[in-house]
Amino acid sequence: MTQSGVTRNISSGGVLFTSDLEPDVGGTLEYVITLSSQKEHPVSLRCMGKVVRSEKLNPEIANGSGSFAVAVTLERYEFLRTDH
């Protein structure tokens, strides 16, 4: 299943994002992060990690970006090729 989310924070150890679906804590998750700038072509990373935390967001805090805050480790990644 594919689900969109909004990245809130990213580091070398993992990512925090918001999503409308709540994943299972402890489960493996594959996610794609697209990094972009105005000067360069976007770069996409396909990542694998484990869900370490998921919490329901207050609707006022979520601001339409998702119902859950999800923290996932970054255990493996690969660059995805795109044709320009």
PDB file of N, CA and C in Angstrom:
ATOM      1  N   MET A   1       0.835  -1.162   0.000  1.00  0.00           N
ATOM      2  CA  MET A   1       0.000   0.000   0.000  1.00  0.00           C
ATOM      3  C   MET A   1       0.893   1.242   0.000  1.00  0.00           C
ATOM      4  N   THR A   2       0.505   2.241  -0.729  1.00  0.00           N
ATOM      5  CA  THR A   2       1.229   3.502  -0.782  1.00  0.00           C
ATOM      6  C   THR A   2       0.435   4.572  -0.074  1.00  0.00           C
ATOM      7  N   GLN A   3       1.118   5.358   0.733  1.00  0.00           N
ATOM      8  CA  GLN A   3       0.486   6.430   1.509  1.00  0.00           C
ATOM      9  C   GLN A   3       1.411   7.638   1.499  1.00  0.00           C
ATOM     10  N   SER A   4       0.865   8.807   1.315  1.00  0.00           N
ATOM     11  CA  SER A   4       1.667  10.034   1.347  1.00  0.00           C
ATOM     12  C   SER A   4       1.758  10.563   2.762  1.00  0.00           C
ATOM     13  N   GLY A   5       2.831  11.281   3.037  1.00  0.00           N
ATOM     14  CA  GLY A   5       3.027  11.907   4.331  1.00  0.00           C
ATOM     15  C   GLY A   5       3.827  13.183   4.166  1.00  0.00           C
ATOM     16  N   VAL A   6       3.992  13.903   5.249  1.00  0.00           N
ATOM     17  CA  VAL A   6       4.752  15.146   5.244  1.00  0.00           C
ATOM     18  C   VAL A   6       5.905  14.992   6.225  1.00  0.00           C
ATOM     19  N   THR A   7       7.131  15.158   5.730  1.00  0.00           N
ATOM     20  CA  THR A   7       8.312  15.047   6.578  1.00  0.00           C
ATOM     21  C   THR A   7       8.391  16.255   7.503  1.00  0.00           C
ATOM     22  N   ARG A   8       8.586  15.994   8.786  1.00  0.00           N
ATOM     23  CA  ARG A   8       8.709  17.052   9.790  1.00  0.00           C
ATOM     24  C   ARG A   8      10.145  17.253  10.233  1.00  0.00           C
ATOM     25  N   ASN A   9      10.909  16.142  10.280  1.00  0.00           N
ATOM     26  CA  ASN A   9      12.283  16.204  10.759  1.00  0.00           C
ATOM     27  C   ASN A   9      13.023  15.002  10.180  1.00  0.00           C
ATOM     28  N   ILE A  10      14.279  15.215   9.796  1.00  0.00           N
ATOM     29  CA  ILE A  10      15.071  14.120   9.249  1.00  0.00           C
ATOM     30  C   ILE A  10      16.495  14.236   9.787  1.00  0.00           C
ATOM     31  N   SER A  11      17.103  13.083  10.074  1.00  0.00           N
ATOM     32  CA  SER A  11      18.484  13.046  10.538  1.00  0.00           C
ATOM     33  C   SER A  11      19.133  11.793   9.980  1.00  0.00           C
ATOM     34  N   SER A  12      20.392  11.583  10.305  1.00  0.00           N
ATOM     35  CA  SER A  12      21.081  10.385   9.827  1.00  0.00           C
ATOM     36  C   SER A  12      20.518   9.122  10.465  1.00  0.00           C
ATOM     37  N   GLY A  13      19.802   9.258  11.581  1.00  0.00           N
ATOM     38  CA  GLY A  13      19.260   8.097  12.275  1.00  0.00           C
ATOM     39  C   GLY A  13      17.818   7.763  11.963  1.00  0.00           C
ATOM     40  N   GLY A  14      17.094   8.704  11.339  1.00  0.00           N
ATOM     41  CA  GLY A  14      15.699   8.423  11.054  1.00  0.00           C
ATOM     42  C   GLY A  14      14.924   9.642  10.605  1.00  0.00           C
ATOM     43  N   VAL A  15      13.615   9.469  10.578  1.00  0.00           N
ATOM     44  CA  VAL A  15      12.732  10.519  10.081  1.00  0.00           C
ATOM     45  C   VAL A  15      11.461  10.571  10.928  1.00  0.00           C
ATOM     46  N   LEU A  16      10.926  11.766  11.076  1.00  0.00           N
ATOM     47  CA  LEU A  16       9.628  11.974  11.709  1.00  0.00           C
ATOM     48  C   LEU A  16       8.720  12.563  10.646  1.00  0.00           C
ATOM     49  N   PHE A  17       7.582  11.931  10.412  1.00  0.00           N
ATOM     50  CA  PHE A  17       6.650  12.446   9.412  1.00  0.00           C
ATOM     51  C   PHE A  17       5.227  12.306   9.920  1.00  0.00           C
ATOM     52  N   THR A  18       4.315  12.977   9.241  1.00  0.00           N
ATOM     53  CA  THR A  18       2.900  12.843   9.568  1.00  0.00           C
ATOM     54  C   THR A  18       2.219  12.034   8.479  1.00  0.00           C
ATOM     55  N   SER A  19       1.202  11.291   8.888  1.00  0.00           N
ATOM     56  CA  SER A  19       0.487  10.422   7.968  1.00  0.00           C
ATOM     57  C   SER A  19      -0.955  10.274   8.440  1.00  0.00           C
ATOM     58  N   ASP A  20      -1.847   9.957   7.509  1.00  0.00           N
ATOM     59  CA  ASP A  20      -3.238   9.688   7.879  1.00  0.00           C
ATOM     60  C   ASP A  20      -3.423   8.276   8.412  1.00  0.00           C
ATOM     61  N   LEU A  21      -2.477   7.385   8.120  1.00  0.00           N
ATOM     62  CA  LEU A  21      -2.562   6.004   8.596  1.00  0.00           C
ATOM     63  C   LEU A  21      -1.569   5.776   9.728  1.00  0.00           C
ATOM     64  N   GLU A  22      -1.960   4.965  10.694  1.00  0.00           N
ATOM     65  CA  GLU A  22      -1.082   4.641  11.821  1.00  0.00           C
ATOM     66  C   GLU A  22      -0.401   3.302  11.573  1.00  0.00           C
ATOM     67  N   PRO A  23       0.924   3.290  11.389  1.00  0.00           N
ATOM     68  CA  PRO A  23       1.622   2.022  11.178  1.00  0.00           C
ATOM     69  C   PRO A  23       1.827   1.288  12.502  1.00  0.00           C
ATOM     70  N   ASP A  24       2.151   0.007  12.412  1.00  0.00           N
ATOM     71  CA  ASP A  24       2.411  -0.799  13.604  1.00  0.00           C
ATOM     72  C   ASP A  24       3.788  -0.460  14.175  1.00  0.00           C
ATOM     73  N   VAL A  25       3.842  -0.093  15.456  1.00  0.00           N
ATOM     74  CA  VAL A  25       5.118   0.164  16.121  1.00  0.00           C
ATOM     75  C   VAL A  25       5.904  -1.143  16.153  1.00  0.00           C
ATOM     76  N   GLY A  26       7.175  -1.077  15.772  1.00  0.00           N
ATOM     77  CA  GLY A  26       8.025  -2.258  15.687  1.00  0.00           C
ATOM     78  C   GLY A  26       8.064  -2.869  14.306  1.00  0.00           C
ATOM     79  N   GLY A  27       7.127  -2.473  13.455  1.00  0.00           N
ATOM     80  CA  GLY A  27       7.075  -3.009  12.101  1.00  0.00           C
ATOM     81  C   GLY A  27       8.072  -2.341  11.175  1.00  0.00           C
ATOM     82  N   THR A  28       8.397  -3.041  10.087  1.00  0.00           N
ATOM     83  CA  THR A  28       9.299  -2.517   9.070  1.00  0.00           C
ATOM     84  C   THR A  28       8.505  -1.631   8.127  1.00  0.00           C
ATOM     85  N   LEU A  29       9.144  -0.535   7.697  1.00  0.00           N
ATOM     86  CA  LEU A  29       8.479   0.404   6.804  1.00  0.00           C
ATOM     87  C   LEU A  29       9.446   0.831   5.705  1.00  0.00           C
ATOM     88  N   GLU A  30       8.982   0.829   4.478  1.00  0.00           N
ATOM     89  CA  GLU A  30       9.742   1.376   3.356  1.00  0.00           C
ATOM     90  C   GLU A  30       9.162   2.749   3.059  1.00  0.00           C
ATOM     91  N   TYR A  31      10.038   3.741   2.915  1.00  0.00           N
ATOM     92  CA  TYR A  31       9.559   5.090   2.617  1.00  0.00           C
ATOM     93  C   TYR A  31      10.505   5.772   1.640  1.00  0.00           C
ATOM     94  N   VAL A  32       9.966   6.709   0.891  1.00  0.00           N
ATOM     95  CA  VAL A  32      10.742   7.458  -0.089  1.00  0.00           C
ATOM     96  C   VAL A  32      10.745   8.916   0.328  1.00  0.00           C
ATOM     97  N   ILE A  33      11.933   9.497   0.362  1.00  0.00           N
ATOM     98  CA  ILE A  33      12.094  10.912   0.678  1.00  0.00           C
ATOM     99  C   ILE A  33      12.661  11.591  -0.563  1.00  0.00           C
ATOM    100  N   THR A  34      12.016  12.675  -0.981  1.00  0.00           N
ATOM    101  CA  THR A  34      12.494  13.445  -2.119  1.00  0.00           C
ATOM    102  C   THR A  34      13.073  14.753  -1.607  1.00  0.00           C
ATOM    103  N   LEU A  35      14.346  14.971  -1.909  1.00  0.00           N
ATOM    104  CA  LEU A  35      15.046  16.190  -1.518  1.00  0.00           C
ATOM    105  C   LEU A  35      15.128  17.082  -2.747  1.00  0.00           C
ATOM    106  N   SER A  36      14.750  18.329  -2.590  1.00  0.00           N
ATOM    107  CA  SER A  36      14.775  19.216  -3.748  1.00  0.00           C
ATOM    108  C   SER A  36      15.273  20.597  -3.365  1.00  0.00           C
ATOM    109  N   SER A  37      15.766  21.287  -4.364  1.00  0.00           N
ATOM    110  CA  SER A  37      16.151  22.682  -4.221  1.00  0.00           C
ATOM    111  C   SER A  37      15.798  23.378  -5.526  1.00  0.00           C
ATOM    112  N   GLN A  38      15.842  24.666  -5.530  1.00  0.00           N
ATOM    113  CA  GLN A  38      15.492  25.404  -6.737  1.00  0.00           C
ATOM    114  C   GLN A  38      16.583  25.312  -7.795  1.00  0.00           C
ATOM    115  N   LYS A  39      17.820  25.012  -7.393  1.00  0.00           N
ATOM    116  CA  LYS A  39      18.939  24.997  -8.340  1.00  0.00           C
ATOM    117  C   LYS A  39      19.260  23.614  -8.896  1.00  0.00           C
ATOM    118  N   GLU A  40      18.885  22.567  -8.190  1.00  0.00           N
ATOM    119  CA  GLU A  40      19.248  21.201  -8.574  1.00  0.00           C
ATOM    120  C   GLU A  40      18.007  20.385  -8.895  1.00  0.00           C
ATOM    121  N   HIS A  41      18.236  19.269  -9.581  1.00  0.00           N
ATOM    122  CA  HIS A  41      17.151  18.322  -9.811  1.00  0.00           C
ATOM    123  C   HIS A  41      16.836  17.614  -8.499  1.00  0.00           C
ATOM    124  N   PRO A  42      15.578  17.254  -8.266  1.00  0.00           N
ATOM    125  CA  PRO A  42      15.241  16.524  -7.033  1.00  0.00           C
ATOM    126  C   PRO A  42      15.993  15.200  -6.945  1.00  0.00           C
ATOM    127  N   VAL A  43      16.308  14.791  -5.731  1.00  0.00           N
ATOM    128  CA  VAL A  43      16.960  13.517  -5.457  1.00  0.00           C
ATOM    129  C   VAL A  43      16.017  12.722  -4.559  1.00  0.00           C
ATOM    130  N   SER A  44      15.745  11.479  -4.931  1.00  0.00           N
ATOM    131  CA  SER A  44      14.868  10.632  -4.133  1.00  0.00           C
ATOM    132  C   SER A  44      15.657   9.489  -3.513  1.00  0.00           C
ATOM    133  N   LEU A  45      15.362   9.204  -2.261  1.00  0.00           N
ATOM    134  CA  LEU A  45      15.970   8.099  -1.523  1.00  0.00           C
ATOM    135  C   LEU A  45      14.878   7.115  -1.128  1.00  0.00           C
ATOM    136  N   ARG A  46      15.100   5.845  -1.428  1.00  0.00           N
ATOM    137  CA  ARG A  46      14.198   4.798  -0.928  1.00  0.00           C
ATOM    138  C   ARG A  46      14.842   4.276   0.345  1.00  0.00           C
ATOM    139  N   CYS A  47      14.111   4.351   1.458  1.00  0.00           N
ATOM    140  CA  CYS A  47      14.653   4.009   2.776  1.00  0.00           C
ATOM    141  C   CYS A  47      13.882   2.857   3.397  1.00  0.00           C
ATOM    142  N   MET A  48      14.570   2.111   4.243  1.00  0.00           N
ATOM    143  CA  MET A  48      13.951   1.052   5.041  1.00  0.00           C
ATOM    144  C   MET A  48      14.274   1.320   6.499  1.00  0.00           C
ATOM    145  N   GLY A  49      13.288   1.109   7.356  1.00  0.00           N
ATOM    146  CA  GLY A  49      13.513   1.294   8.778  1.00  0.00           C
ATOM    147  C   GLY A  49      12.403   0.649   9.590  1.00  0.00           C
ATOM    148  N   LYS A  50      12.491   0.822  10.885  1.00  0.00           N
ATOM    149  CA  LYS A  50      11.485   0.284  11.804  1.00  0.00           C
ATOM    150  C   LYS A  50      10.753   1.431  12.473  1.00  0.00           C
ATOM    151  N   VAL A  51       9.449   1.250  12.639  1.00  0.00           N
ATOM    152  CA  VAL A  51       8.619   2.254  13.301  1.00  0.00           C
ATOM    153  C   VAL A  51       8.917   2.192  14.795  1.00  0.00           C
ATOM    154  N   VAL A  52       9.388   3.294  15.367  1.00  0.00           N
ATOM    155  CA  VAL A  52       9.713   3.321  16.790  1.00  0.00           C
ATOM    156  C   VAL A  52       8.657   4.058  17.613  1.00  0.00           C
ATOM    157  N   ARG A  53       7.859   4.891  16.945  1.00  0.00           N
ATOM    158  CA  ARG A  53       6.834   5.633  17.681  1.00  0.00           C
ATOM    159  C   ARG A  53       5.756   6.098  16.714  1.00  0.00           C
ATOM    160  N   SER A  54       4.516   6.103  17.196  1.00  0.00           N
ATOM    161  CA  SER A  54       3.395   6.636  16.441  1.00  0.00           C
ATOM    162  C   SER A  54       2.414   7.208  17.449  1.00  0.00           C
ATOM    163  N   GLU A  55       2.018   8.455  17.237  1.00  0.00           N
ATOM    164  CA  GLU A  55       1.066   9.057  18.168  1.00  0.00           C
ATOM    165  C   GLU A  55       0.034   9.884  17.425  1.00  0.00           C
ATOM    166  N   LYS A  56      -1.177   9.843  17.944  1.00  0.00           N
ATOM    167  CA  LYS A  56      -2.291  10.602  17.380  1.00  0.00           C
ATOM    168  C   LYS A  56      -2.039  12.082  17.609  1.00  0.00           C
ATOM    169  N   LEU A  57      -2.224  12.886  16.565  1.00  0.00           N
ATOM    170  CA  LEU A  57      -2.021  14.325  16.667  1.00  0.00           C
ATOM    171  C   LEU A  57      -3.319  15.041  16.990  1.00  0.00           C
ATOM    172  N   ASN A  58      -3.209  16.096  17.754  1.00  0.00           N
ATOM    173  CA  ASN A  58      -4.323  16.997  17.976  1.00  0.00           C
ATOM    174  C   ASN A  58      -4.635  17.644  16.629  1.00  0.00           C
ATOM    175  N   PRO A  59      -5.906  17.692  16.190  1.00  0.00           N
ATOM    176  CA  PRO A  59      -6.239  18.271  14.882  1.00  0.00           C
ATOM    177  C   PRO A  59      -5.723  19.699  14.694  1.00  0.00           C
ATOM    178  N   GLU A  60      -5.626  20.466  15.756  1.00  0.00           N
ATOM    179  CA  GLU A  60      -5.115  21.836  15.646  1.00  0.00           C
ATOM    180  C   GLU A  60      -3.622  21.841  15.314  1.00  0.00           C
ATOM    181  N   ILE A  61      -2.879  20.858  15.824  1.00  0.00           N
ATOM    182  CA  ILE A  61      -1.445  20.752  15.556  1.00  0.00           C
ATOM    183  C   ILE A  61      -1.210  20.153  14.169  1.00  0.00           C
ATOM    184  N   ALA A  62      -2.031  19.165  13.795  1.00  0.00           N
ATOM    185  CA  ALA A  62      -1.852  18.473  12.519  1.00  0.00           C
ATOM    186  C   ALA A  62      -1.987  19.432  11.338  1.00  0.00           C
ATOM    187  N   ASN A  63      -2.905  20.372  11.421  1.00  0.00           N
ATOM    188  CA  ASN A  63      -3.076  21.394  10.396  1.00  0.00           C
ATOM    189  C   ASN A  63      -3.221  20.794   8.992  1.00  0.00           C
ATOM    190  N   GLY A  64      -3.971  19.687   8.893  1.00  0.00           N
ATOM    191  CA  GLY A  64      -4.239  19.078   7.598  1.00  0.00           C
ATOM    192  C   GLY A  64      -3.113  18.245   7.018  1.00  0.00           C
ATOM    193  N   SER A  65      -2.015  18.036   7.752  1.00  0.00           N
ATOM    194  CA  SER A  65      -0.875  17.305   7.201  1.00  0.00           C
ATOM    195  C   SER A  65      -0.897  15.819   7.554  1.00  0.00           C
ATOM    196  N   GLY A  66      -1.831  15.369   8.347  1.00  0.00           N
ATOM    197  CA  GLY A  66      -1.918  13.964   8.729  1.00  0.00           C
ATOM    198  C   GLY A  66      -2.423  13.835  10.138  1.00  0.00           C
ATOM    199  N   SER A  67      -2.908  12.670  10.488  1.00  0.00           N
ATOM    200  CA  SER A  67      -3.502  12.438  11.804  1.00  0.00           C
ATOM    201  C   SER A  67      -2.523  11.873  12.822  1.00  0.00           C
ATOM    202  N   PHE A  68      -1.391  11.309  12.337  1.00  0.00           N
ATOM    203  CA  PHE A  68      -0.435  10.661  13.219  1.00  0.00           C
ATOM    204  C   PHE A  68       0.971  11.196  12.980  1.00  0.00           C
ATOM    205  N   ALA A  69       1.752  11.335  14.055  1.00  0.00           N
ATOM    206  CA  ALA A  69       3.185  11.610  13.952  1.00  0.00           C
ATOM    207  C   ALA A  69       3.881  10.266  14.062  1.00  0.00           C
ATOM    208  N   VAL A  70       4.738   9.949  13.101  1.00  0.00           N
ATOM    209  CA  VAL A  70       5.376   8.632  13.016  1.00  0.00           C
ATOM    210  C   VAL A  70       6.887   8.815  12.972  1.00  0.00           C
ATOM    211  N   ALA A  71       7.599   8.137  13.882  1.00  0.00           N
ATOM    212  CA  ALA A  71       9.062   8.156  13.909  1.00  0.00           C
ATOM    213  C   ALA A  71       9.569   6.803  13.416  1.00  0.00           C
ATOM    214  N   VAL A  72      10.473   6.843  12.416  1.00  0.00           N
ATOM    215  CA  VAL A  72      10.991   5.631  11.791  1.00  0.00           C
ATOM    216  C   VAL A  72      12.511   5.726  11.719  1.00  0.00           C
ATOM    217  N   THR A  73      13.192   4.631  12.033  1.00  0.00           N
ATOM    218  CA  THR A  73      14.650   4.598  11.918  1.00  0.00           C
ATOM    219  C   THR A  73      15.053   4.602  10.445  1.00  0.00           C
ATOM    220  N   LEU A  74      16.302   4.909  10.191  1.00  0.00           N
ATOM    221  CA  LEU A  74      16.867   4.842   8.844  1.00  0.00           C
ATOM    222  C   LEU A  74      17.965   3.783   8.879  1.00  0.00           C
ATOM    223  N   GLU A  75      17.622   2.564   8.458  1.00  0.00           N
ATOM    224  CA  GLU A  75      18.563   1.448   8.522  1.00  0.00           C
ATOM    225  C   GLU A  75      19.274   1.193   7.200  1.00  0.00           C
ATOM    226  N   ARG A  76      18.576   1.401   6.099  1.00  0.00           N
ATOM    227  CA  ARG A  76      19.160   1.227   4.762  1.00  0.00           C
ATOM    228  C   ARG A  76      18.540   2.253   3.835  1.00  0.00           C
ATOM    229  N   TYR A  77      19.301   2.635   2.814  1.00  0.00           N
ATOM    230  CA  TYR A  77      18.739   3.521   1.797  1.00  0.00           C
ATOM    231  C   TYR A  77      19.446   3.295   0.469  1.00  0.00           C
ATOM    232  N   GLU A  78      18.768   3.699  -0.595  1.00  0.00           N
ATOM    233  CA  GLU A  78      19.361   3.684  -1.921  1.00  0.00           C
ATOM    234  C   GLU A  78      18.820   4.876  -2.700  1.00  0.00           C
ATOM    235  N   PHE A  79      19.651   5.407  -3.591  1.00  0.00           N
ATOM    236  CA  PHE A  79      19.223   6.496  -4.451  1.00  0.00           C
ATOM    237  C   PHE A  79      18.351   5.938  -5.552  1.00  0.00           C
ATOM    238  N   LEU A  80      17.269   6.629  -5.860  1.00  0.00           N
ATOM    239  CA  LEU A  80      16.408   6.240  -6.967  1.00  0.00           C
ATOM    240  C   LEU A  80      16.791   7.057  -8.189  1.00  0.00           C
ATOM    241  N   ARG A  81      16.918   6.393  -9.303  1.00  0.00           N
ATOM    242  CA  ARG A  81      17.243   7.081 -10.551  1.00  0.00           C
ATOM    243  C   ARG A  81      15.978   7.725 -11.130  1.00  0.00           C
ATOM    244  N   THR A  82      16.154   8.924 -11.649  1.00  0.00           N
ATOM    245  CA  THR A  82      15.058   9.586 -12.359  1.00  0.00           C
ATOM    246  C   THR A  82      15.594  10.068 -13.701  1.00  0.00           C
ATOM    247  N   ASP A  83      14.743  10.045 -14.692  1.00  0.00           N
ATOM    248  CA  ASP A  83      15.128  10.548 -16.009  1.00  0.00           C
ATOM    249  C   ASP A  83      14.804  12.024 -16.073  1.00  0.00           C
ATOM    250  N   HIS A  84      15.745  12.827 -16.534  1.00  0.00           N
ATOM    251  CA  HIS A  84      15.526  14.275 -16.622  1.00  0.00           C
ATOM    252  C   HIS A  84      15.304  14.664 -18.057  1.00  0.00           C
TER     253      HIS A  84
END
